[in-house]
mmCIF file of all heavy atoms, coordinates in Angstrom:
data_MODEL
# 
_entry.id   MODEL 
# 
loop_
_atom_site.group_PDB 
_atom_site.id 
_atom_site.type_symbol 
_atom_site.label_atom_id 
_atom_site.label_alt_id 
_atom_site.label_comp_id 
_atom_site.label_asym_id 
_atom_site.label_entity_id 
_atom_site.label_seq_id 
_atom_site.pdbx_PDB_ins_code 
_atom_site.Cartn_x 
_atom_site.Cartn_y 
_atom_site.Cartn_z 
_atom_site.occupancy 
_atom_site.B_iso_or_equiv 
_atom_site.pdbx_formal_charge 
_atom_site.auth_seq_id 
_atom_site.auth_comp_id 
_atom_site.auth_asym_id 
_atom_site.auth_atom_id 
_atom_site.pdbx_PDB_model_num 
ATOM 1   N N   . ARG A 1 1  ? 7.481  224.553 95.037  1.00 0.00 ? 1  ARG A N   1 
ATOM 2   C CA  . ARG A 1 1  ? 7.870  225.785 95.713  1.00 0.00 ? 1  ARG A CA  1 
ATOM 3   C C   . ARG A 1 1  ? 9.315  225.934 95.831  1.00 0.00 ? 1  ARG A C   1 
ATOM 4   O O   . ARG A 1 1  ? 9.867  227.050 95.696  1.00 0.00 ? 1  ARG A O   1 
ATOM 5   C CB  . ARG A 1 1  ? 7.076  225.883 97.060  1.00 0.00 ? 1  ARG A CB  1 
ATOM 6   C CG  . ARG A 1 1  ? 5.613  226.102 96.995  1.00 0.00 ? 1  ARG A CG  1 
ATOM 7   C CD  . ARG A 1 1  ? 4.992  226.422 98.372  1.00 0.00 ? 1  ARG A CD  1 
ATOM 8   N NE  . ARG A 1 1  ? 5.091  225.267 99.233  1.00 0.00 ? 1  ARG A NE  1 
ATOM 9   C CZ  . ARG A 1 1  ? 4.172  224.258 99.298  1.00 0.00 ? 1  ARG A CZ  1 
ATOM 10  N NH1 . ARG A 1 1  ? 3.152  224.319 98.435  1.00 0.00 ? 1  ARG A NH1 1 
ATOM 11  N NH2 . ARG A 1 1  ? 4.306  223.275 100.126 1.00 0.00 ? 1  ARG A NH2 1 
ATOM 12  N N   . THR A 1 2  ? 9.967  224.826 96.136  1.00 0.00 ? 2  THR A N   1 
ATOM 13  C CA  . THR A 1 2  ? 11.432 224.876 96.242  1.00 0.00 ? 2  THR A CA  1 
ATOM 14  C C   . THR A 1 2  ? 12.093 225.230 94.936  1.00 0.00 ? 2  THR A C   1 
ATOM 15  O O   . THR A 1 2  ? 13.040 226.100 94.866  1.00 0.00 ? 2  THR A O   1 
ATOM 16  C CB  . THR A 1 2  ? 11.979 223.526 96.744  1.00 0.00 ? 2  THR A CB  1 
ATOM 17  O OG1 . THR A 1 2  ? 11.409 223.206 98.001  1.00 0.00 ? 2  THR A OG1 1 
ATOM 18  C CG2 . THR A 1 2  ? 13.540 223.500 96.873  1.00 0.00 ? 2  THR A CG2 1 
ATOM 19  N N   . ILE A 1 3  ? 11.563 224.624 93.830  1.00 0.00 ? 3  ILE A N   1 
ATOM 20  C CA  . ILE A 1 3  ? 12.121 224.987 92.488  1.00 0.00 ? 3  ILE A CA  1 
ATOM 21  C C   . ILE A 1 3  ? 11.869 226.437 92.159  1.00 0.00 ? 3  ILE A C   1 
ATOM 22  O O   . ILE A 1 3  ? 12.799 227.149 91.550  1.00 0.00 ? 3  ILE A O   1 
ATOM 23  C CB  . ILE A 1 3  ? 11.518 224.045 91.450  1.00 0.00 ? 3  ILE A CB  1 
ATOM 24  C CG1 . ILE A 1 3  ? 11.910 222.648 91.682  1.00 0.00 ? 3  ILE A CG1 1 
ATOM 25  C CG2 . ILE A 1 3  ? 11.781 224.490 90.058  1.00 0.00 ? 3  ILE A CG2 1 
ATOM 26  C CD1 . ILE A 1 3  ? 11.176 221.599 90.794  1.00 0.00 ? 3  ILE A CD1 1 
ATOM 27  N N   . ALA A 1 4  ? 10.699 226.966 92.539  1.00 0.00 ? 4  ALA A N   1 
ATOM 28  C CA  . ALA A 1 4  ? 10.401 228.344 92.206  1.00 0.00 ? 4  ALA A CA  1 
ATOM 29  C C   . ALA A 1 4  ? 11.077 229.398 93.089  1.00 0.00 ? 4  ALA A C   1 
ATOM 30  O O   . ALA A 1 4  ? 11.181 230.551 92.710  1.00 0.00 ? 4  ALA A O   1 
ATOM 31  C CB  . ALA A 1 4  ? 8.895  228.641 92.330  1.00 0.00 ? 4  ALA A CB  1 
ATOM 32  N N   . ASN A 1 5  ? 11.680 228.956 94.186  1.00 0.00 ? 5  ASN A N   1 
ATOM 33  C CA  . ASN A 1 5  ? 12.309 229.861 95.129  1.00 0.00 ? 5  ASN A CA  1 
ATOM 34  C C   . ASN A 1 5  ? 13.630 230.377 94.483  1.00 0.00 ? 5  ASN A C   1 
ATOM 35  O O   . ASN A 1 5  ? 14.499 229.587 94.140  1.00 0.00 ? 5  ASN A O   1 
ATOM 36  C CB  . ASN A 1 5  ? 12.617 229.127 96.383  1.00 0.00 ? 5  ASN A CB  1 
ATOM 37  C CG  . ASN A 1 5  ? 13.134 230.047 97.513  1.00 0.00 ? 5  ASN A CG  1 
ATOM 38  O OD1 . ASN A 1 5  ? 13.732 231.123 97.258  1.00 0.00 ? 5  ASN A OD1 1 
ATOM 39  N ND2 . ASN A 1 5  ? 12.944 229.616 98.716  1.00 0.00 ? 5  ASN A ND2 1 
ATOM 40  N N   . PRO A 1 6  ? 13.730 231.665 94.303  1.00 0.00 ? 6  PRO A N   1 
ATOM 41  C CA  . PRO A 1 6  ? 14.957 232.252 93.672  1.00 0.00 ? 6  PRO A CA  1 
ATOM 42  C C   . PRO A 1 6  ? 16.228 231.940 94.476  1.00 0.00 ? 6  PRO A C   1 
ATOM 43  O O   . PRO A 1 6  ? 17.350 232.030 93.902  1.00 0.00 ? 6  PRO A O   1 
ATOM 44  C CB  . PRO A 1 6  ? 14.719 233.701 93.651  1.00 0.00 ? 6  PRO A CB  1 
ATOM 45  C CG  . PRO A 1 6  ? 13.637 233.950 94.707  1.00 0.00 ? 6  PRO A CG  1 
ATOM 46  C CD  . PRO A 1 6  ? 12.808 232.763 94.719  1.00 0.00 ? 6  PRO A CD  1 
ATOM 47  N N   . GLU A 1 7  ? 16.125 231.545 95.721  1.00 0.00 ? 7  GLU A N   1 
ATOM 48  C CA  . GLU A 1 7  ? 17.332 231.299 96.527  1.00 0.00 ? 7  GLU A CA  1 
ATOM 49  C C   . GLU A 1 7  ? 17.829 229.770 96.370  1.00 0.00 ? 7  GLU A C   1 
ATOM 50  O O   . GLU A 1 7  ? 18.869 229.443 96.855  1.00 0.00 ? 7  GLU A O   1 
ATOM 51  C CB  . GLU A 1 7  ? 17.067 231.603 98.017  1.00 0.00 ? 7  GLU A CB  1 
ATOM 52  C CG  . GLU A 1 7  ? 16.767 233.035 98.273  1.00 0.00 ? 7  GLU A CG  1 
ATOM 53  C CD  . GLU A 1 7  ? 16.567 233.320 99.729  1.00 0.00 ? 7  GLU A CD  1 
ATOM 54  O OE1 . GLU A 1 7  ? 16.684 232.366 100.579 1.00 0.00 ? 7  GLU A OE1 1 
ATOM 55  O OE2 . GLU A 1 7  ? 16.247 234.483 100.114 1.00 0.00 ? 7  GLU A OE2 1 
ATOM 56  N N   . THR A 1 8  ? 17.009 228.998 95.709  1.00 0.00 ? 8  THR A N   1 
ATOM 57  C CA  . THR A 1 8  ? 17.328 227.603 95.479  1.00 0.00 ? 8  THR A CA  1 
ATOM 58  C C   . THR A 1 8  ? 18.462 227.516 94.440  1.00 0.00 ? 8  THR A C   1 
ATOM 59  O O   . THR A 1 8  ? 18.400 228.115 93.333  1.00 0.00 ? 8  THR A O   1 
ATOM 60  C CB  . THR A 1 8  ? 16.137 226.797 95.026  1.00 0.00 ? 8  THR A CB  1 
ATOM 61  O OG1 . THR A 1 8  ? 15.110 226.864 95.993  1.00 0.00 ? 8  THR A OG1 1 
ATOM 62  C CG2 . THR A 1 8  ? 16.520 225.317 94.812  1.00 0.00 ? 8  THR A CG2 1 
ATOM 63  N N   . THR A 1 9  ? 19.512 226.732 94.806  1.00 0.00 ? 9  THR A N   1 
ATOM 64  C CA  . THR A 1 9  ? 20.640 226.580 93.851  1.00 0.00 ? 9  THR A CA  1 
ATOM 65  C C   . THR A 1 9  ? 20.162 225.678 92.645  1.00 0.00 ? 9  THR A C   1 
ATOM 66  O O   . THR A 1 9  ? 19.225 224.952 92.743  1.00 0.00 ? 9  THR A O   1 
ATOM 67  C CB  . THR A 1 9  ? 21.790 225.965 94.500  1.00 0.00 ? 9  THR A CB  1 
ATOM 68  O OG1 . THR A 1 9  ? 21.445 224.573 94.915  1.00 0.00 ? 9  THR A OG1 1 
ATOM 69  C CG2 . THR A 1 9  ? 22.258 226.692 95.784  1.00 0.00 ? 9  THR A CG2 1 
ATOM 70  N N   . GLU A 1 10 ? 20.892 225.863 91.584  1.00 0.00 ? 10 GLU A N   1 
ATOM 71  C CA  . GLU A 1 10 ? 20.562 225.073 90.380  1.00 0.00 ? 10 GLU A CA  1 
ATOM 72  C C   . GLU A 1 10 ? 20.745 223.606 90.631  1.00 0.00 ? 10 GLU A C   1 
ATOM 73  O O   . GLU A 1 10 ? 19.993 222.748 90.149  1.00 0.00 ? 10 GLU A O   1 
ATOM 74  C CB  . GLU A 1 10 ? 21.482 225.515 89.193  1.00 0.00 ? 10 GLU A CB  1 
ATOM 75  C CG  . GLU A 1 10 ? 21.134 224.862 87.870  1.00 0.00 ? 10 GLU A CG  1 
ATOM 76  C CD  . GLU A 1 10 ? 19.649 225.098 87.473  1.00 0.00 ? 10 GLU A CD  1 
ATOM 77  O OE1 . GLU A 1 10 ? 19.100 226.165 87.820  1.00 0.00 ? 10 GLU A OE1 1 
ATOM 78  O OE2 . GLU A 1 10 ? 19.086 224.138 86.880  1.00 0.00 ? 10 GLU A OE2 1 
ATOM 79  N N   . GLU A 1 11 ? 21.721 223.246 91.382  1.00 0.00 ? 11 GLU A N   1 
ATOM 80  C CA  . GLU A 1 11 ? 21.913 221.807 91.725  1.00 0.00 ? 11 GLU A CA  1 
ATOM 81  C C   . GLU A 1 11 ? 20.731 221.250 92.493  1.00 0.00 ? 11 GLU A C   1 
ATOM 82  O O   . GLU A 1 11 ? 20.267 220.167 92.209  1.00 0.00 ? 11 GLU A O   1 
ATOM 83  C CB  . GLU A 1 11 ? 23.212 221.674 92.544  1.00 0.00 ? 11 GLU A CB  1 
ATOM 84  C CG  . GLU A 1 11 ? 23.476 220.226 92.927  1.00 0.00 ? 11 GLU A CG  1 
ATOM 85  C CD  . GLU A 1 11 ? 24.782 220.084 93.720  1.00 0.00 ? 11 GLU A CD  1 
ATOM 86  O OE1 . GLU A 1 11 ? 25.447 221.099 94.034  1.00 0.00 ? 11 GLU A OE1 1 
ATOM 87  O OE2 . GLU A 1 11 ? 25.102 218.920 94.147  1.00 0.00 ? 11 GLU A OE2 1 
ATOM 88  N N   . ARG A 1 12 ? 20.238 222.097 93.452  1.00 0.00 ? 12 ARG A N   1 
ATOM 89  C CA  . ARG A 1 12 ? 19.082 221.679 94.200  1.00 0.00 ? 12 ARG A CA  1 
ATOM 90  C C   . ARG A 1 12 ? 17.888 221.568 93.308  1.00 0.00 ? 12 ARG A C   1 
ATOM 91  O O   . ARG A 1 12 ? 17.036 220.672 93.483  1.00 0.00 ? 12 ARG A O   1 
ATOM 92  C CB  . ARG A 1 12 ? 18.852 222.697 95.365  1.00 0.00 ? 12 ARG A CB  1 
ATOM 93  C CG  . ARG A 1 12 ? 17.646 222.411 96.262  1.00 0.00 ? 12 ARG A CG  1 
ATOM 94  C CD  . ARG A 1 12 ? 17.817 221.051 97.005  1.00 0.00 ? 12 ARG A CD  1 
ATOM 95  N NE  . ARG A 1 12 ? 16.725 220.987 98.053  1.00 0.00 ? 12 ARG A NE  1 
ATOM 96  C CZ  . ARG A 1 12 ? 16.440 219.844 98.586  1.00 0.00 ? 12 ARG A CZ  1 
ATOM 97  N NH1 . ARG A 1 12 ? 17.047 218.730 98.239  1.00 0.00 ? 12 ARG A NH1 1 
ATOM 98  N NH2 . ARG A 1 12 ? 15.494 219.841 99.508  1.00 0.00 ? 12 ARG A NH2 1 
ATOM 99  N N   . ARG A 1 13 ? 17.689 222.527 92.418  1.00 0.00 ? 13 ARG A N   1 
ATOM 100 C CA  . ARG A 1 13 ? 16.543 222.517 91.526  1.00 0.00 ? 13 ARG A CA  1 
ATOM 101 C C   . ARG A 1 13 ? 16.544 221.220 90.647  1.00 0.00 ? 13 ARG A C   1 
ATOM 102 O O   . ARG A 1 13 ? 15.536 220.589 90.421  1.00 0.00 ? 13 ARG A O   1 
ATOM 103 C CB  . ARG A 1 13 ? 16.540 223.700 90.547  1.00 0.00 ? 13 ARG A CB  1 
ATOM 104 C CG  . ARG A 1 13 ? 16.107 225.013 91.196  1.00 0.00 ? 13 ARG A CG  1 
ATOM 105 C CD  . ARG A 1 13 ? 15.818 226.067 90.131  1.00 0.00 ? 13 ARG A CD  1 
ATOM 106 N NE  . ARG A 1 13 ? 15.343 227.307 90.747  1.00 0.00 ? 13 ARG A NE  1 
ATOM 107 C CZ  . ARG A 1 13 ? 16.206 228.262 91.049  1.00 0.00 ? 13 ARG A CZ  1 
ATOM 108 N NH1 . ARG A 1 13 ? 17.455 228.218 90.719  1.00 0.00 ? 13 ARG A NH1 1 
ATOM 109 N NH2 . ARG A 1 13 ? 15.781 229.417 91.663  1.00 0.00 ? 13 ARG A NH2 1 
ATOM 110 N N   . GLN A 1 14 ? 17.693 220.831 90.152  1.00 0.00 ? 14 GLN A N   1 
ATOM 111 C CA  . GLN A 1 14 ? 17.791 219.607 89.320  1.00 0.00 ? 14 GLN A CA  1 
ATOM 112 C C   . GLN A 1 14 ? 17.370 218.377 90.209  1.00 0.00 ? 14 GLN A C   1 
ATOM 113 O O   . GLN A 1 14 ? 16.718 217.503 89.676  1.00 0.00 ? 14 GLN A O   1 
ATOM 114 C CB  . GLN A 1 14 ? 19.176 219.483 88.753  1.00 0.00 ? 14 GLN A CB  1 
ATOM 115 C CG  . GLN A 1 14 ? 19.602 220.471 87.758  1.00 0.00 ? 14 GLN A CG  1 
ATOM 116 C CD  . GLN A 1 14 ? 21.005 220.366 87.243  1.00 0.00 ? 14 GLN A CD  1 
ATOM 117 O OE1 . GLN A 1 14 ? 21.741 219.455 87.711  1.00 0.00 ? 14 GLN A OE1 1 
ATOM 118 N NE2 . GLN A 1 14 ? 21.423 221.231 86.334  1.00 0.00 ? 14 GLN A NE2 1 
ATOM 119 N N   . GLN A 1 15 ? 17.842 218.357 91.418  1.00 0.00 ? 15 GLN A N   1 
ATOM 120 C CA  . GLN A 1 15 ? 17.487 217.252 92.261  1.00 0.00 ? 15 GLN A CA  1 
ATOM 121 C C   . GLN A 1 15 ? 15.990 217.222 92.508  1.00 0.00 ? 15 GLN A C   1 
ATOM 122 O O   . GLN A 1 15 ? 15.296 216.187 92.396  1.00 0.00 ? 15 GLN A O   1 
ATOM 123 C CB  . GLN A 1 15 ? 18.159 217.348 93.630  1.00 0.00 ? 15 GLN A CB  1 
ATOM 124 C CG  . GLN A 1 15 ? 17.792 216.254 94.650  1.00 0.00 ? 15 GLN A CG  1 
ATOM 125 C CD  . GLN A 1 15 ? 18.345 216.483 95.970  1.00 0.00 ? 15 GLN A CD  1 
ATOM 126 O OE1 . GLN A 1 15 ? 19.170 217.387 96.195  1.00 0.00 ? 15 GLN A OE1 1 
ATOM 127 N NE2 . GLN A 1 15 ? 17.908 215.688 96.976  1.00 0.00 ? 15 GLN A NE2 1 
ATOM 128 N N   . MET A 1 16 ? 15.373 218.459 92.784  1.00 0.00 ? 16 MET A N   1 
ATOM 129 C CA  . MET A 1 16 ? 13.946 218.502 92.966  1.00 0.00 ? 16 MET A CA  1 
ATOM 130 C C   . MET A 1 16 ? 13.154 218.064 91.765  1.00 0.00 ? 16 MET A C   1 
ATOM 131 O O   . MET A 1 16 ? 12.075 217.423 91.781  1.00 0.00 ? 16 MET A O   1 
ATOM 132 C CB  . MET A 1 16 ? 13.578 220.008 93.361  1.00 0.00 ? 16 MET A CB  1 
ATOM 133 C CG  . MET A 1 16 ? 14.000 220.391 94.726  1.00 0.00 ? 16 MET A CG  1 
ATOM 134 S SD  . MET A 1 16 ? 13.165 219.542 96.107  1.00 0.00 ? 16 MET A SD  1 
ATOM 135 C CE  . MET A 1 16 ? 14.376 218.299 96.560  1.00 0.00 ? 16 MET A CE  1 
ATOM 136 N N   . ARG A 1 17 ? 13.639 218.457 90.530  1.00 0.00 ? 17 ARG A N   1 
ATOM 137 C CA  . ARG A 1 17 ? 12.918 218.096 89.262  1.00 0.00 ? 17 ARG A CA  1 
ATOM 138 C C   . ARG A 1 17 ? 12.920 216.560 89.140  1.00 0.00 ? 17 ARG A C   1 
ATOM 139 O O   . ARG A 1 17 ? 11.930 216.026 88.666  1.00 0.00 ? 17 ARG A O   1 
ATOM 140 C CB  . ARG A 1 17 ? 13.579 218.748 88.050  1.00 0.00 ? 17 ARG A CB  1 
ATOM 141 C CG  . ARG A 1 17 ? 13.366 220.278 88.073  1.00 0.00 ? 17 ARG A CG  1 
ATOM 142 C CD  . ARG A 1 17 ? 13.927 220.933 86.803  1.00 0.00 ? 17 ARG A CD  1 
ATOM 143 N NE  . ARG A 1 17 ? 13.735 222.335 86.748  1.00 0.00 ? 17 ARG A NE  1 
ATOM 144 C CZ  . ARG A 1 17 ? 14.740 223.181 86.923  1.00 0.00 ? 17 ARG A CZ  1 
ATOM 145 N NH1 . ARG A 1 17 ? 15.995 222.714 87.099  1.00 0.00 ? 17 ARG A NH1 1 
ATOM 146 N NH2 . ARG A 1 17 ? 14.559 224.518 86.891  1.00 0.00 ? 17 ARG A NH2 1 
ATOM 147 N N   . ARG A 1 18 ? 14.106 215.978 89.404  1.00 0.00 ? 18 ARG A N   1 
ATOM 148 C CA  . ARG A 1 18 ? 14.131 214.450 89.312  1.00 0.00 ? 18 ARG A CA  1 
ATOM 149 C C   . ARG A 1 18 ? 13.165 213.844 90.296  1.00 0.00 ? 18 ARG A C   1 
ATOM 150 O O   . ARG A 1 18 ? 12.438 212.890 89.912  1.00 0.00 ? 18 ARG A O   1 
ATOM 151 C CB  . ARG A 1 18 ? 15.591 213.980 89.574  1.00 0.00 ? 18 ARG A CB  1 
ATOM 152 C CG  . ARG A 1 18 ? 16.548 214.316 88.487  1.00 0.00 ? 18 ARG A CG  1 
ATOM 153 C CD  . ARG A 1 18 ? 17.761 213.518 88.692  1.00 0.00 ? 18 ARG A CD  1 
ATOM 154 N NE  . ARG A 1 18 ? 18.537 213.898 89.947  1.00 0.00 ? 18 ARG A NE  1 
ATOM 155 C CZ  . ARG A 1 18 ? 19.417 214.844 90.044  1.00 0.00 ? 18 ARG A CZ  1 
ATOM 156 N NH1 . ARG A 1 18 ? 19.788 215.595 88.927  1.00 0.00 ? 18 ARG A NH1 1 
ATOM 157 N NH2 . ARG A 1 18 ? 20.010 215.116 91.150  1.00 0.00 ? 18 ARG A NH2 1 
ATOM 158 N N   . GLU A 1 19 ? 13.084 214.360 91.536  1.00 0.00 ? 19 GLU A N   1 
ATOM 159 C CA  . GLU A 1 19 ? 12.200 213.799 92.518  1.00 0.00 ? 19 GLU A CA  1 
ATOM 160 C C   . GLU A 1 19 ? 10.777 214.111 92.134  1.00 0.00 ? 19 GLU A C   1 
ATOM 161 O O   . GLU A 1 19 ? 9.844  213.216 92.279  1.00 0.00 ? 19 GLU A O   1 
ATOM 162 C CB  . GLU A 1 19 ? 12.521 214.327 93.898  1.00 0.00 ? 19 GLU A CB  1 
ATOM 163 C CG  . GLU A 1 19 ? 13.819 213.839 94.444  1.00 0.00 ? 19 GLU A CG  1 
ATOM 164 C CD  . GLU A 1 19 ? 14.141 214.442 95.768  1.00 0.00 ? 19 GLU A CD  1 
ATOM 165 O OE1 . GLU A 1 19 ? 13.213 215.165 96.345  1.00 0.00 ? 19 GLU A OE1 1 
ATOM 166 O OE2 . GLU A 1 19 ? 15.230 214.156 96.330  1.00 0.00 ? 19 GLU A OE2 1 
ATOM 167 N N   . LEU A 1 20 ? 10.498 215.239 91.558  1.00 0.00 ? 20 LEU A N   1 
ATOM 168 C CA  . LEU A 1 20 ? 9.174  215.668 91.118  1.00 0.00 ? 20 LEU A CA  1 
ATOM 169 C C   . LEU A 1 20 ? 8.693  214.711 89.993  1.00 0.00 ? 20 LEU A C   1 
ATOM 170 O O   . LEU A 1 20 ? 7.498  214.348 90.025  1.00 0.00 ? 20 LEU A O   1 
ATOM 171 C CB  . LEU A 1 20 ? 9.206  217.088 90.658  1.00 0.00 ? 20 LEU A CB  1 
ATOM 172 C CG  . LEU A 1 20 ? 7.838  217.794 90.369  1.00 0.00 ? 20 LEU A CG  1 
ATOM 173 C CD1 . LEU A 1 20 ? 6.989  217.765 91.693  1.00 0.00 ? 20 LEU A CD1 1 
ATOM 174 C CD2 . LEU A 1 20 ? 8.092  219.198 89.938  1.00 0.00 ? 20 LEU A CD2 1 
ATOM 175 N N   . GLU A 1 21 ? 9.534  214.370 89.143  1.00 0.00 ? 21 GLU A N   1 
ATOM 176 C CA  . GLU A 1 21 ? 9.122  213.454 88.065  1.00 0.00 ? 21 GLU A CA  1 
ATOM 177 C C   . GLU A 1 21 ? 8.767  212.080 88.690  1.00 0.00 ? 21 GLU A C   1 
ATOM 178 O O   . GLU A 1 21 ? 7.694  211.502 88.242  1.00 0.00 ? 21 GLU A O   1 
ATOM 179 C CB  . GLU A 1 21 ? 10.303 213.237 87.111  1.00 0.00 ? 21 GLU A CB  1 
ATOM 180 C CG  . GLU A 1 21 ? 9.956  212.301 85.947  1.00 0.00 ? 21 GLU A CG  1 
ATOM 181 C CD  . GLU A 1 21 ? 11.139 212.149 84.982  1.00 0.00 ? 21 GLU A CD  1 
ATOM 182 O OE1 . GLU A 1 21 ? 12.165 212.912 85.111  1.00 0.00 ? 21 GLU A OE1 1 
ATOM 183 O OE2 . GLU A 1 21 ? 11.025 211.269 84.106  1.00 0.00 ? 21 GLU A OE2 1 
ATOM 184 N N   . GLY A 1 22 ? 9.438  211.597 89.661  1.00 0.00 ? 22 GLY A N   1 
ATOM 185 C CA  . GLY A 1 22 ? 9.121  210.366 90.363  1.00 0.00 ? 22 GLY A CA  1 
ATOM 186 C C   . GLY A 1 22 ? 7.790  210.522 91.122  1.00 0.00 ? 22 GLY A C   1 
ATOM 187 O O   . GLY A 1 22 ? 6.997  209.540 91.047  1.00 0.00 ? 22 GLY A O   1 
ATOM 188 N N   . LEU A 1 23 ? 7.545  211.655 91.737  1.00 0.00 ? 23 LEU A N   1 
ATOM 189 C CA  . LEU A 1 23 ? 6.357  211.850 92.462  1.00 0.00 ? 23 LEU A CA  1 
ATOM 190 C C   . LEU A 1 23 ? 5.115  211.784 91.555  1.00 0.00 ? 23 LEU A C   1 
ATOM 191 O O   . LEU A 1 23 ? 4.068  211.245 91.911  1.00 0.00 ? 23 LEU A O   1 
ATOM 192 C CB  . LEU A 1 23 ? 6.393  213.119 93.291  1.00 0.00 ? 23 LEU A CB  1 
ATOM 193 C CG  . LEU A 1 23 ? 7.265  213.151 94.519  1.00 0.00 ? 23 LEU A CG  1 
ATOM 194 C CD1 . LEU A 1 23 ? 7.475  214.534 95.030  1.00 0.00 ? 23 LEU A CD1 1 
ATOM 195 C CD2 . LEU A 1 23 ? 6.647  212.223 95.601  1.00 0.00 ? 23 LEU A CD2 1 
ATOM 196 N N   . ARG A 1 24 ? 5.240  212.519 90.388  1.00 0.00 ? 24 ARG A N   1 
ATOM 197 C CA  . ARG A 1 24 ? 4.106  212.553 89.487  1.00 0.00 ? 24 ARG A CA  1 
ATOM 198 C C   . ARG A 1 24 ? 3.860  211.164 88.898  1.00 0.00 ? 24 ARG A C   1 
ATOM 199 O O   . ARG A 1 24 ? 2.701  210.843 88.641  1.00 0.00 ? 24 ARG A O   1 
ATOM 200 C CB  . ARG A 1 24 ? 4.455  213.571 88.382  1.00 0.00 ? 24 ARG A CB  1 
ATOM 201 C CG  . ARG A 1 24 ? 4.312  214.982 88.866  1.00 0.00 ? 24 ARG A CG  1 
ATOM 202 C CD  . ARG A 1 24 ? 4.853  216.005 87.848  1.00 0.00 ? 24 ARG A CD  1 
ATOM 203 N NE  . ARG A 1 24 ? 4.618  217.400 88.264  1.00 0.00 ? 24 ARG A NE  1 
ATOM 204 C CZ  . ARG A 1 24 ? 5.288  218.440 87.884  1.00 0.00 ? 24 ARG A CZ  1 
ATOM 205 N NH1 . ARG A 1 24 ? 6.238  218.278 86.860  1.00 0.00 ? 24 ARG A NH1 1 
ATOM 206 N NH2 . ARG A 1 24 ? 5.046  219.652 88.288  1.00 0.00 ? 24 ARG A NH2 1 
ATOM 207 N N   . ARG A 1 25 ? 4.906  210.415 88.687  1.00 0.00 ? 25 ARG A N   1 
ATOM 208 C CA  . ARG A 1 25 ? 4.715  209.048 88.172  1.00 0.00 ? 25 ARG A CA  1 
ATOM 209 C C   . ARG A 1 25 ? 4.013  208.173 89.202  1.00 0.00 ? 25 ARG A C   1 
ATOM 210 O O   . ARG A 1 25 ? 3.087  207.436 88.869  1.00 0.00 ? 25 ARG A O   1 
ATOM 211 C CB  . ARG A 1 25 ? 6.071  208.430 87.785  1.00 0.00 ? 25 ARG A CB  1 
ATOM 212 C CG  . ARG A 1 25 ? 6.008  207.091 87.106  1.00 0.00 ? 25 ARG A CG  1 
ATOM 213 C CD  . ARG A 1 25 ? 7.317  206.752 86.423  1.00 0.00 ? 25 ARG A CD  1 
ATOM 214 N NE  . ARG A 1 25 ? 8.452  206.894 87.361  1.00 0.00 ? 25 ARG A NE  1 
ATOM 215 C CZ  . ARG A 1 25 ? 9.416  207.797 87.271  1.00 0.00 ? 25 ARG A CZ  1 
ATOM 216 N NH1 . ARG A 1 25 ? 9.420  208.635 86.207  1.00 0.00 ? 25 ARG A NH1 1 
ATOM 217 N NH2 . ARG A 1 25 ? 10.441 207.841 88.086  1.00 0.00 ? 25 ARG A NH2 1 
ATOM 218 N N   . GLU A 1 26 ? 4.389  208.352 90.467  1.00 0.00 ? 26 GLU A N   1 
ATOM 219 C CA  . GLU A 1 26 ? 3.778  207.607 91.543  1.00 0.00 ? 26 GLU A CA  1 
ATOM 220 C C   . GLU A 1 26 ? 2.290  208.014 91.629  1.00 0.00 ? 26 GLU A C   1 
ATOM 221 O O   . GLU A 1 26 ? 1.401  207.146 91.876  1.00 0.00 ? 26 GLU A O   1 
ATOM 222 C CB  . GLU A 1 26 ? 4.481  207.804 92.845  1.00 0.00 ? 26 GLU A CB  1 
ATOM 223 C CG  . GLU A 1 26 ? 3.836  206.972 94.009  1.00 0.00 ? 26 GLU A CG  1 
ATOM 224 C CD  . GLU A 1 26 ? 4.536  207.220 95.360  1.00 0.00 ? 26 GLU A CD  1 
ATOM 225 O OE1 . GLU A 1 26 ? 5.466  207.906 95.385  1.00 0.00 ? 26 GLU A OE1 1 
ATOM 226 O OE2 . GLU A 1 26 ? 4.021  206.625 96.311  1.00 0.00 ? 26 GLU A OE2 1 
ATOM 227 N N   . ARG A 1 27 ? 1.989  209.314 91.512  1.00 0.00 ? 27 ARG A N   1 
ATOM 228 C CA  . ARG A 1 27 ? 0.663  209.755 91.590  1.00 0.00 ? 27 ARG A CA  1 
ATOM 229 C C   . ARG A 1 27 ? -0.218 209.141 90.486  1.00 0.00 ? 27 ARG A C   1 
ATOM 230 O O   . ARG A 1 27 ? -1.417 208.753 90.783  1.00 0.00 ? 27 ARG A O   1 
ATOM 231 C CB  . ARG A 1 27 ? 0.575  211.297 91.488  1.00 0.00 ? 27 ARG A CB  1 
ATOM 232 C CG  . ARG A 1 27 ? -0.770 211.916 91.873  1.00 0.00 ? 27 ARG A CG  1 
ATOM 233 C CD  . ARG A 1 27 ? -0.779 213.359 91.689  1.00 0.00 ? 27 ARG A CD  1 
ATOM 234 N NE  . ARG A 1 27 ? -1.991 214.000 92.353  1.00 0.00 ? 27 ARG A NE  1 
ATOM 235 C CZ  . ARG A 1 27 ? -3.198 213.963 91.764  1.00 0.00 ? 27 ARG A CZ  1 
ATOM 236 N NH1 . ARG A 1 27 ? -3.440 213.306 90.612  1.00 0.00 ? 27 ARG A NH1 1 
ATOM 237 N NH2 . ARG A 1 27 ? -4.166 214.529 92.499  1.00 0.00 ? 27 ARG A NH2 1 
ATOM 238 N N   . ARG A 1 28 ? 0.295  209.008 89.296  1.00 0.00 ? 28 ARG A N   1 
ATOM 239 C CA  . ARG A 1 28 ? -0.442 208.344 88.251  1.00 0.00 ? 28 ARG A CA  1 
ATOM 240 C C   . ARG A 1 28 ? -0.697 206.939 88.582  1.00 0.00 ? 28 ARG A C   1 
ATOM 241 O O   . ARG A 1 28 ? -1.812 206.434 88.338  1.00 0.00 ? 28 ARG A O   1 
ATOM 242 C CB  . ARG A 1 28 ? 0.271  208.448 86.917  1.00 0.00 ? 28 ARG A CB  1 
ATOM 243 C CG  . ARG A 1 28 ? 0.371  209.863 86.322  1.00 0.00 ? 28 ARG A CG  1 
ATOM 244 C CD  . ARG A 1 28 ? 0.825  209.862 84.924  1.00 0.00 ? 28 ARG A CD  1 
ATOM 245 N NE  . ARG A 1 28 ? 2.220  209.402 84.810  1.00 0.00 ? 28 ARG A NE  1 
ATOM 246 C CZ  . ARG A 1 28 ? 3.286  210.239 84.832  1.00 0.00 ? 28 ARG A CZ  1 
ATOM 247 N NH1 . ARG A 1 28 ? 3.134  211.532 85.009  1.00 0.00 ? 28 ARG A NH1 1 
ATOM 248 N NH2 . ARG A 1 28 ? 4.534  209.746 84.726  1.00 0.00 ? 28 ARG A NH2 1 
# 
């Protein structure tokens, strides 16, 4: 949701994507 929010900065989106990758890996 943070990534999809148009008010989120690109820098914040990149951070969220990195964390998201880790979360999905942990979920597996």
